[in-house]
Protein backbone atom coordinates (compact mmCIF):
# COMPACT_ATOMS: atom_id res chain seq x y z
CA MET A 1 33.26 -39.43 -0.60
CA LYS A 2 32.13 -37.35 2.39
CA VAL A 3 35.23 -35.16 2.18
CA SER A 4 34.72 -34.66 -1.54
CA ARG A 5 31.13 -33.61 -0.95
CA ILE A 6 32.22 -31.07 1.68
CA ALA A 7 34.77 -29.62 -0.71
CA ALA A 8 32.23 -29.45 -3.53
CA ALA A 9 29.70 -27.77 -1.24
CA GLY A 10 32.29 -25.20 -0.18
CA SER A 11 33.13 -24.42 -3.79
CA ALA A 12 29.48 -24.15 -4.74
CA ALA A 13 28.82 -21.79 -1.84
CA GLY A 14 31.69 -19.56 -2.89
CA ILE A 15 30.50 -19.44 -6.49
CA ALA A 16 26.92 -18.69 -5.39
CA VAL A 17 27.98 -15.80 -3.16
CA LEU A 18 30.19 -14.41 -5.90
CA ALA A 19 27.35 -14.60 -8.42
CA LEU A 20 24.96 -12.81 -6.08
CA SER A 21 27.52 -10.09 -5.43
CA VAL A 22 27.86 -9.11 -9.09
CA PRO A 23 26.41 -5.58 -9.34
CA ALA A 24 23.19 -5.15 -11.31
CA PHE A 25 23.28 -3.60 -14.75
CA ALA A 26 23.74 0.12 -14.17
CA HIS A 27 20.85 2.40 -15.05
CA VAL A 28 19.44 5.84 -14.27
CA SER A 29 18.10 5.79 -10.71
CA VAL A 30 16.65 8.19 -8.12
CA GLN A 31 17.35 8.39 -4.39
CA PRO A 32 16.32 10.97 -1.77
CA GLN A 33 19.05 12.82 0.13
CA GLY A 34 16.97 12.46 3.29
CA PRO A 35 13.41 11.39 4.13
CA ALA A 36 10.91 11.38 1.27
CA ALA A 37 7.74 11.37 3.37
CA LYS A 38 4.23 11.57 1.99
CA GLY A 39 2.94 15.13 2.18
CA GLY A 40 6.43 16.55 2.71
CA TYR A 41 9.24 17.99 0.60
CA ALA A 42 12.51 16.32 -0.37
CA VAL A 43 15.69 16.72 -2.37
CA VAL A 44 16.19 13.77 -4.71
CA ASP A 45 19.25 12.83 -6.78
CA PHE A 46 19.01 11.33 -10.24
CA LYS A 47 22.15 9.23 -10.63
CA VAL A 48 23.24 8.84 -14.25
CA PRO A 49 26.08 6.42 -15.10
CA ASN A 50 27.78 6.48 -18.48
CA GLU A 51 27.49 2.96 -19.90
CA ARG A 52 29.41 3.46 -23.13
CA ASP A 53 33.15 3.10 -23.73
CA ASP A 54 33.29 5.38 -26.75
CA ALA A 55 30.69 8.12 -26.06
CA SER A 56 29.72 10.60 -23.36
CA THR A 57 26.30 11.34 -21.92
CA THR A 58 25.38 14.83 -23.08
CA LYS A 59 21.69 15.15 -22.19
CA LEU A 60 19.23 13.92 -19.57
CA GLU A 61 15.45 14.38 -19.62
CA ILE A 62 13.41 13.59 -16.52
CA ASN A 63 9.65 13.36 -17.00
CA LEU A 64 7.69 13.93 -13.82
CA PRO A 65 4.67 11.73 -13.05
CA ALA A 66 1.55 13.15 -14.70
CA ASP A 67 -0.77 11.19 -12.39
CA HIS A 68 0.75 12.87 -9.33
CA PRO A 69 1.79 16.43 -10.34
CA LEU A 70 4.12 18.26 -7.96
CA ALA A 71 3.44 21.89 -7.06
CA SER A 72 7.10 22.70 -6.40
CA VAL A 73 10.00 21.49 -8.54
CA MET A 74 13.37 23.28 -8.36
CA PRO A 75 16.62 22.02 -9.92
CA GLN A 76 19.94 22.54 -8.18
CA PRO A 77 22.66 24.02 -10.43
CA VAL A 78 25.10 21.44 -11.78
CA PRO A 79 28.43 22.84 -13.06
CA GLY A 80 28.90 22.24 -16.77
CA TRP A 81 25.21 21.65 -17.43
CA LYS A 82 22.40 23.90 -18.65
CA VAL A 83 18.97 23.16 -17.18
CA GLU A 84 15.55 23.78 -18.68
CA VAL A 85 12.26 23.44 -16.77
CA THR A 86 9.12 22.68 -18.79
CA LYS A 87 5.63 23.41 -17.45
CA SER A 88 2.35 22.12 -18.84
CA GLU A 89 -1.34 22.76 -18.26
CA LEU A 90 -2.98 20.39 -15.81
CA ASP A 91 -6.14 18.49 -16.66
CA LYS A 92 -7.23 18.99 -13.07
CA PRO A 93 -6.13 22.06 -11.02
CA LEU A 94 -3.72 21.29 -8.20
CA GLU A 95 -4.31 22.84 -4.78
CA SER A 96 -1.22 24.03 -2.89
CA HIS A 97 -1.21 26.16 0.28
CA GLY A 98 -4.78 27.23 -0.34
CA GLU A 99 -4.18 28.18 -3.96
CA LYS A 100 -5.24 26.39 -7.12
CA LEU A 101 -2.53 25.80 -9.69
CA THR A 102 -3.47 25.25 -13.32
CA GLU A 103 0.03 24.24 -14.47
CA ALA A 104 2.98 22.30 -13.06
CA VAL A 105 6.47 21.20 -14.02
CA THR A 106 6.26 18.12 -16.23
CA LYS A 107 9.85 17.82 -17.47
CA VAL A 108 13.36 18.88 -16.47
CA THR A 109 16.16 18.69 -19.05
CA TRP A 110 19.90 18.96 -18.44
CA THR A 111 22.18 19.56 -21.43
CA ALA A 112 25.97 19.39 -21.19
CA GLU A 113 27.85 22.57 -22.02
CA GLY A 114 31.13 20.67 -22.19
CA LYS A 115 32.12 17.01 -22.50
CA GLY A 116 29.27 15.74 -20.34
CA ILE A 117 29.57 12.45 -18.46
CA GLU A 118 32.60 10.69 -19.91
CA PRO A 119 33.11 6.89 -20.00
CA GLY A 120 33.82 5.43 -16.57
CA TYR A 121 32.03 8.21 -14.66
CA PHE A 122 28.58 9.13 -13.35
CA GLN A 123 26.85 12.35 -12.39
CA LYS A 124 24.08 13.30 -9.96
CA PHE A 125 21.31 15.75 -10.84
CA PRO A 126 19.43 17.06 -7.76
CA LEU A 127 15.83 18.25 -7.67
CA SER A 128 13.85 19.76 -4.81
CA VAL A 129 10.30 18.40 -5.07
CA GLY A 130 7.04 18.63 -3.12
CA ALA A 131 4.61 18.38 -1.74
CA LEU A 132 4.87 14.63 -2.20
CA PRO A 133 1.52 12.85 -2.72
CA GLU A 134 -0.14 11.05 0.15
CA ASP A 135 -2.17 8.55 -1.89
CA THR A 136 0.69 6.48 -3.33
CA ASP A 137 3.77 4.62 -2.08
CA GLU A 138 6.04 5.55 -4.97
CA LEU A 139 6.62 7.96 -7.82
CA VAL A 140 7.82 6.88 -11.26
CA PHE A 141 10.07 9.26 -13.21
CA LYS A 142 10.68 8.30 -16.84
CA ALA A 143 14.18 9.26 -18.00
CA ILE A 144 15.74 9.70 -21.45
CA GLN A 145 19.54 9.58 -21.75
CA THR A 146 21.30 10.91 -24.85
CA TYR A 147 24.91 10.17 -25.82
CA SER A 148 27.39 12.21 -27.84
CA ASP A 149 27.06 9.76 -30.75
CA LYS A 150 23.29 10.54 -30.88
CA GLU A 151 22.28 7.25 -29.27
CA VAL A 152 19.14 7.65 -27.13
CA VAL A 153 18.35 5.28 -24.24
CA ARG A 154 14.83 5.44 -22.83
CA TRP A 155 14.57 4.42 -19.18
CA ILE A 156 10.77 4.31 -19.20
CA GLU A 157 9.71 0.74 -18.39
CA VAL A 158 7.77 0.59 -15.13
CA PRO A 159 8.93 -2.25 -12.82
CA GLN A 160 6.11 -4.60 -11.77
CA GLU A 161 5.97 -6.26 -8.37
CA GLY A 162 6.73 -9.98 -8.52
CA GLN A 163 8.32 -9.74 -11.96
CA GLU A 164 11.91 -9.49 -13.13
CA GLU A 165 13.36 -6.02 -13.55
CA PRO A 166 12.83 -4.78 -17.11
CA ASP A 167 15.76 -4.07 -19.42
CA LYS A 168 15.21 -0.29 -19.28
CA PRO A 169 13.60 0.38 -15.87
CA ALA A 170 12.32 3.86 -15.06
CA PRO A 171 13.65 5.52 -11.88
CA VAL A 172 11.26 4.88 -8.97
CA LEU A 173 11.18 6.95 -5.78
CA ALA A 174 9.83 5.11 -2.73
CA LEU A 175 7.83 7.28 -0.33
CA SER A 176 7.87 6.81 3.43
CA ALA A 177 4.98 7.29 5.85
CA ALA A 178 3.68 10.81 6.35
CA GLU A 179 5.18 12.90 9.15
CA ASP A 180 3.02 12.94 12.29
CA ASP A 181 4.00 16.53 13.04
CA ALA A 182 2.94 19.10 10.46
CA HIS A 183 6.08 21.07 11.30
CA GLY A 184 8.11 18.13 10.06
CA ALA A 185 6.85 18.66 6.52
CA ALA A 186 7.56 22.37 6.75
CA GLY A 187 11.06 21.65 8.01
CA ALA A 188 11.66 19.22 5.15
CA LYS A 189 10.54 21.91 2.69
CA ALA A 190 12.92 24.44 4.21
CA GLY A 191 15.79 21.96 4.10
CA ALA A 192 15.05 21.10 0.48
CA GLU A 193 14.94 24.76 -0.56
CA SER A 194 18.17 25.43 1.32
CA ALA A 195 19.92 22.54 -0.40
CA SER A 196 18.64 23.73 -3.77
CA ALA A 197 19.80 27.30 -3.18
CA ASP A 198 23.37 26.66 -2.10
CA GLY A 199 24.40 25.66 -5.64
CA LYS A 200 26.62 22.83 -4.49
CA THR A 201 26.75 19.52 -6.33
CA GLU A 202 28.91 16.45 -6.27
CA THR A 203 31.00 15.91 -9.40
CA ALA A 204 31.74 12.53 -10.91
CA ALA A 205 35.38 12.69 -9.88
CA SER A 206 34.51 12.94 -6.17
CA ALA A 207 31.54 10.62 -6.29
CA SER A 208 33.61 7.46 -5.76
CA GLY A 209 33.49 8.00 -1.98
CA ASP A 210 29.75 8.72 -1.88
CA SER A 211 27.85 6.91 0.86
CA GLY A 212 25.09 6.16 -1.63
CA ASP A 213 27.40 3.62 -3.26
CA SER A 214 27.77 1.55 -0.09
CA SER A 215 25.87 -1.24 -1.82
CA ASP A 216 28.70 -1.55 -4.35
CA THR A 217 31.19 -1.90 -1.49
CA THR A 218 29.00 -4.53 0.17
CA ALA A 219 28.83 -6.45 -3.11
CA ARG A 220 32.63 -6.46 -3.41
CA VAL A 221 33.01 -7.67 0.19
CA LEU A 222 30.51 -10.48 -0.39
CA GLY A 223 32.37 -11.43 -3.54
CA VAL A 224 35.68 -11.70 -1.68
CA VAL A 225 34.01 -13.70 1.10
CA GLY A 226 32.55 -16.06 -1.49
CA ILE A 227 35.93 -16.63 -3.11
CA VAL A 228 37.57 -17.28 0.27
CA VAL A 229 34.85 -19.74 1.29
CA GLY A 230 35.13 -21.59 -2.01
CA ALA A 231 38.91 -21.75 -1.87
CA ALA A 232 38.83 -22.97 1.73
CA GLY A 233 36.43 -25.75 0.77
CA VAL A 234 38.62 -26.89 -2.09
CA ALA A 235 41.79 -26.78 0.03
CA TYR A 236 40.14 -28.73 2.82
CA GLY A 237 38.98 -31.40 0.41
CA VAL A 238 42.42 -31.76 -1.17
CA LEU A 239 44.27 -31.99 2.18
CA ALA A 240 41.75 -34.43 3.62
CA GLY A 241 42.03 -36.58 0.51
CA ARG A 242 45.82 -36.66 0.77
CA ARG A 243 45.70 -37.67 4.43
CA ARG A 244 43.27 -40.48 3.68
CA ASN A 245 45.43 -41.78 0.84
CA THR A 246 48.54 -41.61 3.06
CA GLY A 247 46.76 -43.54 5.80
CA ALA A 248 45.59 -46.18 3.34
CA SER A 249 49.06 -46.71 1.91
CA ALA A 250 50.53 -47.07 5.39
């Protein structure tokens, strides 16, 4: 009985690890290329996977947070995509570098000029943004994804702490602590503008080796480990059972 319990425990452990390693349902997300510190500037990537087998993603709309308007928003050119920047009047003027701004970018839209993001691929859309607010720990960007068959998916549900992730979560950018040195923020701004100006972007074909997908690799490794642990538990139980039966018959 003890051997059987050990084998069952090994199998259960393997199944549990494998279940935990299954990647989460893919959705539009946002990640900074470097630090995204409060009060500083950053380049952020909106990662858009194509979740359909029979349609391509042909349009992406990113709505910037109205409660924390950003004075500077610059898209990086993405080959095969046309970009449109929409500005709107602010309810409250925004002060930036000693000047008061009465309008700010509220939406950035990318529209495919070709096939778009085909099934089985993803694309990154970079934005240089700043100065990042100092009175919040995160920024929520609501995204709208349009497919070639006219289907529209709205990634606009705001995740709530302590609750399960919603079906259509909005991309959320976590902000780190403000830089102690004022020059650090200026340096981040310069780096962001430089990255935006060079016109380089990562295509879906080359994205499979991107370091940002290390979590997927980790999940696969954990899955393999889980299978090995489960199989080892089963094998041990079977061999131990055979030895016990052999000893009893002798």
